[in-house]
Amino acid sequence: MLENYLPILIFMAVALIVGSFMILMGFILGPSRPDSEKLSPYECGFEAFEDARMKFDVRYYLVAILFIIFDLEIAFLFPWAVVLRDIGLFGYMAMVVFLGILVIGFLYEWKKGALQWE
């Protein structure tokens, strides 16, 4: 029973060795030229110039939420495309309704200007 896991163990050992070698070579051969710009703290498109509890613009979160919504749309399309022949016309129409709702939401957000960064 345990001999079935030997190829997996060998694969994991080789992957660990090759991965460690690549990372080590990057540290050894990579240039190290730090300057003040590279070492400055930077996060989320804002310079770190005030208190950590400063307020962020709501548009940042809105763009993140819209990205997640439309990314999930694509995640639902792949399994649907794989089984489209098996689910027939009902599955096709269900996806048309799903995509229609998402397109209406996308058009609404576009018309409201949520996709434009000022």
PDB file of N, CA and C in Angstrom:
ATOM      1  N   MET A   1       0.813  -1.203   0.000  1.00  0.00           N
ATOM      2  CA  MET A   1       0.000   0.000   0.000  1.00  0.00           C
ATOM      3  C   MET A   1       0.857   1.267   0.000  1.00  0.00           C
ATOM      4  N   LEU A   2       1.878   1.275   0.862  1.00  0.00           N
ATOM      5  CA  LEU A   2       2.716   2.463   0.957  1.00  0.00           C
ATOM      6  C   LEU A   2       3.607   2.641  -0.265  1.00  0.00           C
ATOM      7  N   GLU A   3       3.879   1.559  -1.010  1.00  0.00           N
ATOM      8  CA  GLU A   3       4.712   1.690  -2.200  1.00  0.00           C
ATOM      9  C   GLU A   3       4.019   2.504  -3.285  1.00  0.00           C
ATOM     10  N   ASN A   4       2.712   2.663  -3.205  1.00  0.00           N
ATOM     11  CA  ASN A   4       1.988   3.509  -4.158  1.00  0.00           C
ATOM     12  C   ASN A   4       2.310   4.991  -3.948  1.00  0.00           C
ATOM     13  N   TYR A   5       2.750   5.355  -2.775  1.00  0.00           N
ATOM     14  CA  TYR A   5       3.064   6.747  -2.461  1.00  0.00           C
ATOM     15  C   TYR A   5       4.521   7.108  -2.750  1.00  0.00           C
ATOM     16  N   LEU A   6       5.345   6.132  -3.098  1.00  0.00           N
ATOM     17  CA  LEU A   6       6.754   6.399  -3.374  1.00  0.00           C
ATOM     18  C   LEU A   6       6.942   7.393  -4.533  1.00  0.00           C
ATOM     19  N   PRO A   7       6.250   7.262  -5.666  1.00  0.00           N
ATOM     20  CA  PRO A   7       6.425   8.267  -6.730  1.00  0.00           C
ATOM     21  C   PRO A   7       6.041   9.678  -6.290  1.00  0.00           C
ATOM     22  N   ILE A   8       5.017   9.793  -5.451  1.00  0.00           N
ATOM     23  CA  ILE A   8       4.606  11.112  -4.955  1.00  0.00           C
ATOM     24  C   ILE A   8       5.692  11.683  -4.054  1.00  0.00           C
ATOM     25  N   LEU A   9       6.260  10.850  -3.208  1.00  0.00           N
ATOM     26  CA  LEU A   9       7.335  11.297  -2.328  1.00  0.00           C
ATOM     27  C   LEU A   9       8.559  11.733  -3.134  1.00  0.00           C
ATOM     28  N   ILE A  10       8.910  10.959  -4.164  1.00  0.00           N
ATOM     29  CA  ILE A  10      10.044  11.325  -5.014  1.00  0.00           C
ATOM     30  C   ILE A  10       9.766  12.637  -5.728  1.00  0.00           C
ATOM     31  N   PHE A  11       8.540  12.793  -6.248  1.00  0.00           N
ATOM     32  CA  PHE A  11       8.168  14.028  -6.939  1.00  0.00           C
ATOM     33  C   PHE A  11       8.267  15.228  -6.002  1.00  0.00           C
ATOM     34  N   MET A  12       7.776  15.081  -4.765  1.00  0.00           N
ATOM     35  CA  MET A  12       7.835  16.186  -3.813  1.00  0.00           C
ATOM     36  C   MET A  12       9.283  16.520  -3.444  1.00  0.00           C
ATOM     37  N   ALA A  13      10.136  15.505  -3.309  1.00  0.00           N
ATOM     38  CA  ALA A  13      11.542  15.753  -2.975  1.00  0.00           C
ATOM     39  C   ALA A  13      12.244  16.477  -4.116  1.00  0.00           C
ATOM     40  N   VAL A  14      12.002  16.020  -5.362  1.00  0.00           N
ATOM     41  CA  VAL A  14      12.630  16.680  -6.511  1.00  0.00           C
ATOM     42  C   VAL A  14      12.123  18.120  -6.628  1.00  0.00           C
ATOM     43  N   ALA A  15      10.822  18.337  -6.433  1.00  0.00           N
ATOM     44  CA  ALA A  15      10.264  19.691  -6.514  1.00  0.00           C
ATOM     45  C   ALA A  15      10.862  20.585  -5.441  1.00  0.00           C
ATOM     46  N   LEU A  16      11.047  20.067  -4.243  1.00  0.00           N
ATOM     47  CA  LEU A  16      11.637  20.852  -3.161  1.00  0.00           C
ATOM     48  C   LEU A  16      13.094  21.202  -3.471  1.00  0.00           C
ATOM     49  N   ILE A  17      13.828  20.248  -3.990  1.00  0.00           N
ATOM     50  CA  ILE A  17      15.241  20.502  -4.320  1.00  0.00           C
ATOM     51  C   ILE A  17      15.353  21.510  -5.455  1.00  0.00           C
ATOM     52  N   VAL A  18      14.590  21.305  -6.542  1.00  0.00           N
ATOM     53  CA  VAL A  18      14.672  22.220  -7.682  1.00  0.00           C
ATOM     54  C   VAL A  18      14.190  23.617  -7.285  1.00  0.00           C
ATOM     55  N   GLY A  19      13.090  23.708  -6.539  1.00  0.00           N
ATOM     56  CA  GLY A  19      12.590  25.007  -6.096  1.00  0.00           C
ATOM     57  C   GLY A  19      13.568  25.733  -5.197  1.00  0.00           C
ATOM     58  N   SER A  20      14.150  25.013  -4.260  1.00  0.00           N
ATOM     59  CA  SER A  20      15.142  25.631  -3.368  1.00  0.00           C
ATOM     60  C   SER A  20      16.365  26.088  -4.145  1.00  0.00           C
ATOM     61  N   PHE A  21      16.796  25.282  -5.138  1.00  0.00           N
ATOM     62  CA  PHE A  21      17.940  25.651  -5.957  1.00  0.00           C
ATOM     63  C   PHE A  21      17.651  26.937  -6.735  1.00  0.00           C
ATOM     64  N   MET A  22      16.470  27.043  -7.317  1.00  0.00           N
ATOM     65  CA  MET A  22      16.121  28.238  -8.092  1.00  0.00           C
ATOM     66  C   MET A  22      16.091  29.493  -7.207  1.00  0.00           C
ATOM     67  N   ILE A  23      15.503  29.383  -6.044  1.00  0.00           N
ATOM     68  CA  ILE A  23      15.444  30.531  -5.134  1.00  0.00           C
ATOM     69  C   ILE A  23      16.846  30.919  -4.672  1.00  0.00           C
ATOM     70  N   LEU A  24      17.658  29.932  -4.356  1.00  0.00           N
ATOM     71  CA  LEU A  24      19.029  30.205  -3.930  1.00  0.00           C
ATOM     72  C   LEU A  24      19.834  30.873  -5.040  1.00  0.00           C
ATOM     73  N   MET A  25      19.677  30.412  -6.260  1.00  0.00           N
ATOM     74  CA  MET A  25      20.384  31.022  -7.392  1.00  0.00           C
ATOM     75  C   MET A  25      19.920  32.463  -7.617  1.00  0.00           C
ATOM     76  N   GLY A  26      18.666  32.727  -7.379  1.00  0.00           N
ATOM     77  CA  GLY A  26      18.175  34.101  -7.497  1.00  0.00           C
ATOM     78  C   GLY A  26      18.825  35.030  -6.488  1.00  0.00           C
ATOM     79  N   PHE A  27      19.001  34.537  -5.264  1.00  0.00           N
ATOM     80  CA  PHE A  27      19.655  35.363  -4.244  1.00  0.00           C
ATOM     81  C   PHE A  27      21.140  35.540  -4.536  1.00  0.00           C
ATOM     82  N   ILE A  28      21.768  34.504  -5.043  1.00  0.00           N
ATOM     83  CA  ILE A  28      23.214  34.576  -5.293  1.00  0.00           C
ATOM     84  C   ILE A  28      23.518  35.422  -6.523  1.00  0.00           C
ATOM     85  N   LEU A  29      22.823  35.184  -7.625  1.00  0.00           N
ATOM     86  CA  LEU A  29      23.141  35.846  -8.890  1.00  0.00           C
ATOM     87  C   LEU A  29      22.395  37.158  -9.115  1.00  0.00           C
ATOM     88  N   GLY A  30      21.338  37.404  -8.359  1.00  0.00           N
ATOM     89  CA  GLY A  30      20.541  38.611  -8.567  1.00  0.00           C
ATOM     90  C   GLY A  30      21.249  39.865  -8.085  1.00  0.00           C
ATOM     91  N   PRO A  31      21.040  40.969  -8.788  1.00  0.00           N
ATOM     92  CA  PRO A  31      21.674  42.216  -8.351  1.00  0.00           C
ATOM     93  C   PRO A  31      21.015  42.748  -7.086  1.00  0.00           C
ATOM     94  N   SER A  32      21.813  43.349  -6.249  1.00  0.00           N
ATOM     95  CA  SER A  32      21.301  43.944  -5.019  1.00  0.00           C
ATOM     96  C   SER A  32      21.718  45.412  -4.994  1.00  0.00           C
ATOM     97  N   ARG A  33      20.806  46.263  -5.458  1.00  0.00           N
ATOM     98  CA  ARG A  33      21.071  47.703  -5.493  1.00  0.00           C
ATOM     99  C   ARG A  33      19.931  48.442  -4.774  1.00  0.00           C
ATOM    100  N   PRO A  34      19.856  48.345  -3.462  1.00  0.00           N
ATOM    101  CA  PRO A  34      18.776  49.025  -2.753  1.00  0.00           C
ATOM    102  C   PRO A  34      18.959  50.541  -2.762  1.00  0.00           C
ATOM    103  N   ASP A  35      17.843  51.252  -2.870  1.00  0.00           N
ATOM    104  CA  ASP A  35      17.869  52.707  -2.722  1.00  0.00           C
ATOM    105  C   ASP A  35      16.644  53.116  -1.909  1.00  0.00           C
ATOM    106  N   SER A  36      16.495  54.396  -1.690  1.00  0.00           N
ATOM    107  CA  SER A  36      15.414  54.863  -0.802  1.00  0.00           C
ATOM    108  C   SER A  36      14.036  54.568  -1.385  1.00  0.00           C
ATOM    109  N   GLU A  37      13.883  54.605  -2.705  1.00  0.00           N
ATOM    110  CA  GLU A  37      12.581  54.315  -3.313  1.00  0.00           C
ATOM    111  C   GLU A  37      12.195  52.855  -3.144  1.00  0.00           C
ATOM    112  N   LYS A  38      13.142  51.964  -3.331  1.00  0.00           N
ATOM    113  CA  LYS A  38      12.844  50.537  -3.207  1.00  0.00           C
ATOM    114  C   LYS A  38      12.568  50.136  -1.763  1.00  0.00           C
ATOM    115  N   LEU A  39      13.180  50.798  -0.824  1.00  0.00           N
ATOM    116  CA  LEU A  39      13.032  50.436   0.578  1.00  0.00           C
ATOM    117  C   LEU A  39      11.888  51.155   1.272  1.00  0.00           C
ATOM    118  N   SER A  40      11.217  52.079   0.572  1.00  0.00           N
ATOM    119  CA  SER A  40      10.125  52.819   1.208  1.00  0.00           C
ATOM    120  C   SER A  40       8.865  51.957   1.287  1.00  0.00           C
ATOM    121  N   PRO A  41       8.105  52.106   2.362  1.00  0.00           N
ATOM    122  CA  PRO A  41       6.860  51.338   2.475  1.00  0.00           C
ATOM    123  C   PRO A  41       5.820  51.872   1.499  1.00  0.00           C
ATOM    124  N   TYR A  42       5.136  50.959   0.830  1.00  0.00           N
ATOM    125  CA  TYR A  42       4.160  51.325  -0.188  1.00  0.00           C
ATOM    126  C   TYR A  42       3.097  50.243  -0.222  1.00  0.00           C
ATOM    127  N   GLU A  43       1.835  50.656  -0.189  1.00  0.00           N
ATOM    128  CA  GLU A  43       0.774  49.666  -0.171  1.00  0.00           C
ATOM    129  C   GLU A  43      -0.509  50.261  -0.741  1.00  0.00           C
ATOM    130  N   CYS A  44      -1.195  49.497  -1.530  1.00  0.00           N
ATOM    131  CA  CYS A  44      -2.542  49.806  -2.018  1.00  0.00           C
ATOM    132  C   CYS A  44      -2.616  51.112  -2.800  1.00  0.00           C
ATOM    133  N   GLY A  45      -1.584  51.520  -3.460  1.00  0.00           N
ATOM    134  CA  GLY A  45      -1.632  52.721  -4.269  1.00  0.00           C
ATOM    135  C   GLY A  45      -1.483  54.013  -3.494  1.00  0.00           C
ATOM    136  N   PHE A  46      -1.248  53.951  -2.206  1.00  0.00           N
ATOM    137  CA  PHE A  46      -1.107  55.145  -1.388  1.00  0.00           C
ATOM    138  C   PHE A  46       0.260  55.151  -0.726  1.00  0.00           C
ATOM    139  N   GLU A  47       0.897  56.287  -0.694  1.00  0.00           N
ATOM    140  CA  GLU A  47       2.153  56.429   0.046  1.00  0.00           C
ATOM    141  C   GLU A  47       1.853  56.349   1.539  1.00  0.00           C
ATOM    142  N   ALA A  48       2.754  55.770   2.275  1.00  0.00           N
ATOM    143  CA  ALA A  48       2.587  55.686   3.727  1.00  0.00           C
ATOM    144  C   ALA A  48       3.052  56.998   4.336  1.00  0.00           C
ATOM    145  N   PHE A  49       2.124  57.937   4.492  1.00  0.00           N
ATOM    146  CA  PHE A  49       2.515  59.255   4.975  1.00  0.00           C
ATOM    147  C   PHE A  49       1.759  59.669   6.229  1.00  0.00           C
ATOM    148  N   GLU A  50       0.758  58.919   6.639  1.00  0.00           N
ATOM    149  CA  GLU A  50      -0.014  59.285   7.832  1.00  0.00           C
ATOM    150  C   GLU A  50      -0.163  58.080   8.739  1.00  0.00           C
ATOM    151  N   ASP A  51      -1.139  58.190   9.613  1.00  0.00           N
ATOM    152  CA  ASP A  51      -1.451  57.117  10.541  1.00  0.00           C
ATOM    153  C   ASP A  51      -1.949  55.893   9.776  1.00  0.00           C
ATOM    154  N   ALA A  52      -1.721  54.706  10.319  1.00  0.00           N
ATOM    155  CA  ALA A  52      -2.151  53.472   9.673  1.00  0.00           C
ATOM    156  C   ALA A  52      -3.673  53.359   9.620  1.00  0.00           C
ATOM    157  N   ARG A  53      -4.373  54.166  10.415  1.00  0.00           N
ATOM    158  CA  ARG A  53      -5.829  54.107  10.453  1.00  0.00           C
ATOM    159  C   ARG A  53      -6.481  55.146   9.549  1.00  0.00           C
ATOM    160  N   MET A  54      -5.749  55.624   8.548  1.00  0.00           N
ATOM    161  CA  MET A  54      -6.324  56.624   7.652  1.00  0.00           C
ATOM    162  C   MET A  54      -7.421  55.993   6.788  1.00  0.00           C
ATOM    163  N   LYS A  55      -8.342  56.796   6.341  1.00  0.00           N
ATOM    164  CA  LYS A  55      -9.472  56.297   5.555  1.00  0.00           C
ATOM    165  C   LYS A  55      -9.051  56.132   4.101  1.00  0.00           C
ATOM    166  N   PHE A  56      -9.509  55.034   3.503  1.00  0.00           N
ATOM    167  CA  PHE A  56      -9.272  54.778   2.092  1.00  0.00           C
ATOM    168  C   PHE A  56     -10.482  55.224   1.293  1.00  0.00           C
ATOM    169  N   ASP A  57     -10.240  55.522   0.056  1.00  0.00           N
ATOM    170  CA  ASP A  57     -11.321  55.907  -0.834  1.00  0.00           C
ATOM    171  C   ASP A  57     -12.216  54.694  -1.088  1.00  0.00           C
ATOM    172  N   VAL A  58     -13.512  54.902  -1.108  1.00  0.00           N
ATOM    173  CA  VAL A  58     -14.471  53.822  -1.303  1.00  0.00           C
ATOM    174  C   VAL A  58     -14.306  53.197  -2.684  1.00  0.00           C
ATOM    175  N   ARG A  59     -13.839  53.972  -3.654  1.00  0.00           N
ATOM    176  CA  ARG A  59     -13.685  53.442  -5.011  1.00  0.00           C
ATOM    177  C   ARG A  59     -12.686  52.297  -5.066  1.00  0.00           C
ATOM    178  N   TYR A  60     -11.710  52.309  -4.189  1.00  0.00           N
ATOM    179  CA  TYR A  60     -10.748  51.205  -4.150  1.00  0.00           C
ATOM    180  C   TYR A  60     -11.466  49.895  -3.844  1.00  0.00           C
ATOM    181  N   TYR A  61     -12.339  49.904  -2.857  1.00  0.00           N
ATOM    182  CA  TYR A  61     -13.077  48.702  -2.494  1.00  0.00           C
ATOM    183  C   TYR A  61     -14.098  48.343  -3.561  1.00  0.00           C
ATOM    184  N   LEU A  62     -14.701  49.323  -4.187  1.00  0.00           N
ATOM    185  CA  LEU A  62     -15.683  49.070  -5.234  1.00  0.00           C
ATOM    186  C   LEU A  62     -15.039  48.358  -6.421  1.00  0.00           C
ATOM    187  N   VAL A  63     -13.858  48.803  -6.822  1.00  0.00           N
ATOM    188  CA  VAL A  63     -13.161  48.146  -7.925  1.00  0.00           C
ATOM    189  C   VAL A  63     -12.796  46.716  -7.536  1.00  0.00           C
ATOM    190  N   ALA A  64     -12.383  46.493  -6.306  1.00  0.00           N
ATOM    191  CA  ALA A  64     -12.036  45.142  -5.851  1.00  0.00           C
ATOM    192  C   ALA A  64     -13.262  44.235  -5.878  1.00  0.00           C
ATOM    193  N   ILE A  65     -14.407  44.727  -5.418  1.00  0.00           N
ATOM    194  CA  ILE A  65     -15.627  43.927  -5.418  1.00  0.00           C
ATOM    195  C   ILE A  65     -16.075  43.629  -6.840  1.00  0.00           C
ATOM    196  N   LEU A  66     -16.007  44.616  -7.724  1.00  0.00           N
ATOM    197  CA  LEU A  66     -16.389  44.385  -9.120  1.00  0.00           C
ATOM    198  C   LEU A  66     -15.471  43.361  -9.769  1.00  0.00           C
ATOM    199  N   PHE A  67     -14.185  43.425  -9.461  1.00  0.00           N
ATOM    200  CA  PHE A  67     -13.263  42.440 -10.011  1.00  0.00           C
ATOM    201  C   PHE A  67     -13.645  41.042  -9.549  1.00  0.00           C
ATOM    202  N   ILE A  68     -13.963  40.875  -8.274  1.00  0.00           N
ATOM    203  CA  ILE A  68     -14.330  39.561  -7.752  1.00  0.00           C
ATOM    204  C   ILE A  68     -15.601  39.056  -8.424  1.00  0.00           C
ATOM    205  N   ILE A  69     -16.584  39.921  -8.601  1.00  0.00           N
ATOM    206  CA  ILE A  69     -17.841  39.508  -9.229  1.00  0.00           C
ATOM    207  C   ILE A  69     -17.598  39.014 -10.645  1.00  0.00           C
ATOM    208  N   PHE A  70     -16.878  39.768 -11.442  1.00  0.00           N
ATOM    209  CA  PHE A  70     -16.690  39.379 -12.830  1.00  0.00           C
ATOM    210  C   PHE A  70     -15.663  38.255 -12.964  1.00  0.00           C
ATOM    211  N   ASP A  71     -14.797  38.094 -11.997  1.00  0.00           N
ATOM    212  CA  ASP A  71     -13.892  36.964 -12.002  1.00  0.00           C
ATOM    213  C   ASP A  71     -14.659  35.676 -11.702  1.00  0.00           C
ATOM    214  N   LEU A  72     -15.612  35.733 -10.785  1.00  0.00           N
ATOM    215  CA  LEU A  72     -16.437  34.564 -10.494  1.00  0.00           C
ATOM    216  C   LEU A  72     -17.309  34.187 -11.685  1.00  0.00           C
ATOM    217  N   GLU A  73     -17.699  35.174 -12.467  1.00  0.00           N
ATOM    218  CA  GLU A  73     -18.471  34.877 -13.673  1.00  0.00           C
ATOM    219  C   GLU A  73     -17.669  33.954 -14.589  1.00  0.00           C
ATOM    220  N   ILE A  74     -16.416  34.246 -14.774  1.00  0.00           N
ATOM    221  CA  ILE A  74     -15.565  33.407 -15.609  1.00  0.00           C
ATOM    222  C   ILE A  74     -15.375  32.031 -14.970  1.00  0.00           C
ATOM    223  N   ALA A  75     -15.264  31.991 -13.650  1.00  0.00           N
ATOM    224  CA  ALA A  75     -15.102  30.710 -12.966  1.00  0.00           C
ATOM    225  C   ALA A  75     -16.327  29.818 -13.157  1.00  0.00           C
ATOM    226  N   PHE A  76     -17.510  30.390 -13.297  1.00  0.00           N
ATOM    227  CA  PHE A  76     -18.708  29.601 -13.552  1.00  0.00           C
ATOM    228  C   PHE A  76     -18.823  29.197 -15.014  1.00  0.00           C
ATOM    229  N   LEU A  77     -18.203  29.927 -15.910  1.00  0.00           N
ATOM    230  CA  LEU A  77     -18.313  29.614 -17.339  1.00  0.00           C
ATOM    231  C   LEU A  77     -17.528  28.360 -17.728  1.00  0.00           C
ATOM    232  N   PHE A  78     -16.387  28.113 -17.128  1.00  0.00           N
ATOM    233  CA  PHE A  78     -15.576  26.965 -17.524  1.00  0.00           C
ATOM    234  C   PHE A  78     -16.266  25.624 -17.255  1.00  0.00           C
ATOM    235  N   PRO A  79     -16.761  25.354 -16.047  1.00  0.00           N
ATOM    236  CA  PRO A  79     -17.436  24.066 -15.856  1.00  0.00           C
ATOM    237  C   PRO A  79     -18.705  23.951 -16.691  1.00  0.00           C
ATOM    238  N   TRP A  80     -19.390  25.057 -16.888  1.00  0.00           N
ATOM    239  CA  TRP A  80     -20.592  25.038 -17.718  1.00  0.00           C
ATOM    240  C   TRP A  80     -20.244  24.667 -19.150  1.00  0.00           C
ATOM    241  N   ALA A  81     -19.152  25.205 -19.677  1.00  0.00           N
ATOM    242  CA  ALA A  81     -18.751  24.901 -21.049  1.00  0.00           C
ATOM    243  C   ALA A  81     -18.355  23.432 -21.198  1.00  0.00           C
ATOM    244  N   VAL A  82     -17.801  22.836 -20.159  1.00  0.00           N
ATOM    245  CA  VAL A  82     -17.373  21.438 -20.229  1.00  0.00           C
ATOM    246  C   VAL A  82     -18.579  20.506 -20.309  1.00  0.00           C
ATOM    247  N   VAL A  83     -19.636  20.814 -19.571  1.00  0.00           N
ATOM    248  CA  VAL A  83     -20.797  19.910 -19.525  1.00  0.00           C
ATOM    249  C   VAL A  83     -21.974  20.417 -20.358  1.00  0.00           C
ATOM    250  N   LEU A  84     -21.735  21.319 -21.264  1.00  0.00           N
ATOM    251  CA  LEU A  84     -22.837  21.919 -22.027  1.00  0.00           C
ATOM    252  C   LEU A  84     -23.624  20.874 -22.813  1.00  0.00           C
ATOM    253  N   ARG A  85     -22.963  19.904 -23.408  1.00  0.00           N
ATOM    254  CA  ARG A  85     -23.681  18.881 -24.179  1.00  0.00           C
ATOM    255  C   ARG A  85     -24.542  18.005 -23.289  1.00  0.00           C
ATOM    256  N   ASP A  86     -24.123  17.782 -22.056  1.00  0.00           N
ATOM    257  CA  ASP A  86     -24.881  16.920 -21.145  1.00  0.00           C
ATOM    258  C   ASP A  86     -26.096  17.627 -20.561  1.00  0.00           C
ATOM    259  N   ILE A  87     -26.039  18.914 -20.340  1.00  0.00           N
ATOM    260  CA  ILE A  87     -27.145  19.611 -19.673  1.00  0.00           C
ATOM    261  C   ILE A  87     -28.187  20.127 -20.658  1.00  0.00           C
ATOM    262  N   GLY A  88     -27.853  20.207 -21.910  1.00  0.00           N
ATOM    263  CA  GLY A  88     -28.838  20.512 -22.943  1.00  0.00           C
ATOM    264  C   GLY A  88     -29.329  21.947 -22.936  1.00  0.00           C
ATOM    265  N   LEU A  89     -30.531  22.107 -23.472  1.00  0.00           N
ATOM    266  CA  LEU A  89     -31.111  23.439 -23.657  1.00  0.00           C
ATOM    267  C   LEU A  89     -31.421  24.118 -22.324  1.00  0.00           C
ATOM    268  N   PHE A  90     -31.851  23.350 -21.321  1.00  0.00           N
ATOM    269  CA  PHE A  90     -32.157  23.950 -20.023  1.00  0.00           C
ATOM    270  C   PHE A  90     -30.917  24.588 -19.406  1.00  0.00           C
ATOM    271  N   GLY A  91     -29.799  23.894 -19.449  1.00  0.00           N
ATOM    272  CA  GLY A  91     -28.553  24.438 -18.915  1.00  0.00           C
ATOM    273  C   GLY A  91     -28.081  25.647 -19.704  1.00  0.00           C
ATOM    274  N   TYR A  92     -28.292  25.601 -21.006  1.00  0.00           N
ATOM    275  CA  TYR A  92     -27.911  26.740 -21.844  1.00  0.00           C
ATOM    276  C   TYR A  92     -28.723  27.974 -21.478  1.00  0.00           C
ATOM    277  N   MET A  93     -30.044  27.799 -21.337  1.00  0.00           N
ATOM    278  CA  MET A  93     -30.910  28.930 -21.012  1.00  0.00           C
ATOM    279  C   MET A  93     -30.633  29.453 -19.599  1.00  0.00           C
ATOM    280  N   ALA A  94     -30.306  28.564 -18.677  1.00  0.00           N
ATOM    281  CA  ALA A  94     -29.966  29.003 -17.317  1.00  0.00           C
ATOM    282  C   ALA A  94     -28.720  29.885 -17.336  1.00  0.00           C
ATOM    283  N   MET A  95     -27.734  29.519 -18.145  1.00  0.00           N
ATOM    284  CA  MET A  95     -26.531  30.338 -18.231  1.00  0.00           C
ATOM    285  C   MET A  95     -26.809  31.643 -18.956  1.00  0.00           C
ATOM    286  N   VAL A  96     -27.690  31.633 -19.931  1.00  0.00           N
ATOM    287  CA  VAL A  96     -28.060  32.879 -20.613  1.00  0.00           C
ATOM    288  C   VAL A  96     -28.707  33.842 -19.621  1.00  0.00           C
ATOM    289  N   VAL A  97     -29.585  33.325 -18.762  1.00  0.00           N
ATOM    290  CA  VAL A  97     -30.211  34.172 -17.741  1.00  0.00           C
ATOM    291  C   VAL A  97     -29.143  34.695 -16.767  1.00  0.00           C
ATOM    292  N   PHE A  98     -28.243  33.824 -16.330  1.00  0.00           N
ATOM    293  CA  PHE A  98     -27.164  34.218 -15.412  1.00  0.00           C
ATOM    294  C   PHE A  98     -26.308  35.312 -16.030  1.00  0.00           C
ATOM    295  N   LEU A  99     -25.881  35.112 -17.270  1.00  0.00           N
ATOM    296  CA  LEU A  99     -25.048  36.109 -17.933  1.00  0.00           C
ATOM    297  C   LEU A  99     -25.822  37.395 -18.196  1.00  0.00           C
ATOM    298  N   GLY A 100     -27.121  37.273 -18.488  1.00  0.00           N
ATOM    299  CA  GLY A 100     -27.940  38.466 -18.690  1.00  0.00           C
ATOM    300  C   GLY A 100     -28.001  39.333 -17.442  1.00  0.00           C
ATOM    301  N   ILE A 101     -28.170  38.692 -16.291  1.00  0.00           N
ATOM    302  CA  ILE A 101     -28.203  39.440 -15.029  1.00  0.00           C
ATOM    303  C   ILE A 101     -26.858  40.127 -14.784  1.00  0.00           C
ATOM    304  N   LEU A 102     -25.776  39.420 -15.055  1.00  0.00           N
ATOM    305  CA  LEU A 102     -24.464  40.028 -14.858  1.00  0.00           C
ATOM    306  C   LEU A 102     -24.199  41.164 -15.838  1.00  0.00           C
ATOM    307  N   VAL A 103     -24.658  41.024 -17.068  1.00  0.00           N
ATOM    308  CA  VAL A 103     -24.477  42.098 -18.050  1.00  0.00           C
ATOM    309  C   VAL A 103     -25.286  43.327 -17.649  1.00  0.00           C
ATOM    310  N   ILE A 104     -26.496  43.120 -17.151  1.00  0.00           N
ATOM    311  CA  ILE A 104     -27.311  44.250 -16.685  1.00  0.00           C
ATOM    312  C   ILE A 104     -26.603  44.959 -15.528  1.00  0.00           C
ATOM    313  N   GLY A 105     -26.040  44.181 -14.593  1.00  0.00           N
ATOM    314  CA  GLY A 105     -25.295  44.783 -13.491  1.00  0.00           C
ATOM    315  C   GLY A 105     -24.061  45.520 -13.974  1.00  0.00           C
ATOM    316  N   PHE A 106     -23.372  44.950 -14.952  1.00  0.00           N
ATOM    317  CA  PHE A 106     -22.194  45.603 -15.510  1.00  0.00           C
ATOM    318  C   PHE A 106     -22.562  46.923 -16.189  1.00  0.00           C
ATOM    319  N   LEU A 107     -23.630  46.904 -16.973  1.00  0.00           N
ATOM    320  CA  LEU A 107     -24.068  48.133 -17.641  1.00  0.00           C
ATOM    321  C   LEU A 107     -24.497  49.192 -16.629  1.00  0.00           C
ATOM    322  N   TYR A 108     -25.149  48.764 -15.557  1.00  0.00           N
ATOM    323  CA  TYR A 108     -25.562  49.693 -14.509  1.00  0.00           C
ATOM    324  C   TYR A 108     -24.339  50.353 -13.867  1.00  0.00           C
ATOM    325  N   GLU A 109     -23.328  49.537 -13.531  1.00  0.00           N
ATOM    326  CA  GLU A 109     -22.114  50.079 -12.928  1.00  0.00           C
ATOM    327  C   GLU A 109     -21.379  51.000 -13.897  1.00  0.00           C
ATOM    328  N   TRP A 110     -21.380  50.646 -15.166  1.00  0.00           N
ATOM    329  CA  TRP A 110     -20.719  51.464 -16.177  1.00  0.00           C
ATOM    330  C   TRP A 110     -21.414  52.809 -16.310  1.00  0.00           C
ATOM    331  N   LYS A 111     -22.764  52.780 -16.312  1.00  0.00           N
ATOM    332  CA  LYS A 111     -23.537  54.017 -16.455  1.00  0.00           C
ATOM    333  C   LYS A 111     -23.364  54.917 -15.221  1.00  0.00           C
ATOM    334  N   LYS A 112     -23.225  54.327 -14.049  1.00  0.00           N
ATOM    335  CA  LYS A 112     -23.042  55.098 -12.821  1.00  0.00           C
ATOM    336  C   LYS A 112     -21.613  55.639 -12.696  1.00  0.00           C
ATOM    337  N   GLY A 113     -20.702  55.183 -13.556  1.00  0.00           N
ATOM    338  CA  GLY A 113     -19.336  55.667 -13.510  1.00  0.00           C
ATOM    339  C   GLY A 113     -18.451  54.969 -12.495  1.00  0.00           C
ATOM    340  N   ALA A 114     -18.853  53.789 -12.043  1.00  0.00           N
ATOM    341  CA  ALA A 114     -18.061  53.084 -11.035  1.00  0.00           C
ATOM    342  C   ALA A 114     -16.765  52.522 -11.608  1.00  0.00           C
ATOM    343  N   LEU A 115     -16.688  52.391 -12.908  1.00  0.00           N
ATOM    344  CA  LEU A 115     -15.495  51.813 -13.532  1.00  0.00           C
ATOM    345  C   LEU A 115     -14.487  52.874 -13.940  1.00  0.00           C
ATOM    346  N   GLN A 116     -14.771  54.139 -13.694  1.00  0.00           N
ATOM    347  CA  GLN A 116     -13.855  55.205 -14.081  1.00  0.00           C
ATOM    348  C   GLN A 116     -13.142  55.740 -12.845  1.00  0.00           C
ATOM    349  N   TRP A 117     -11.844  55.805 -12.928  1.00  0.00           N
ATOM    350  CA  TRP A 117     -11.029  56.318 -11.840  1.00  0.00           C
ATOM    351  C   TRP A 117     -10.641  57.754 -12.159  1.00  0.00           C
ATOM    352  N   GLU A 118     -10.934  58.641 -11.252  1.00  0.00           N
ATOM    353  CA  GLU A 118     -10.701  60.071 -11.503  1.00  0.00           C
ATOM    354  C   GLU A 118      -9.336  60.496 -11.051  1.00  0.00           C
TER     355      GLU A 118
END
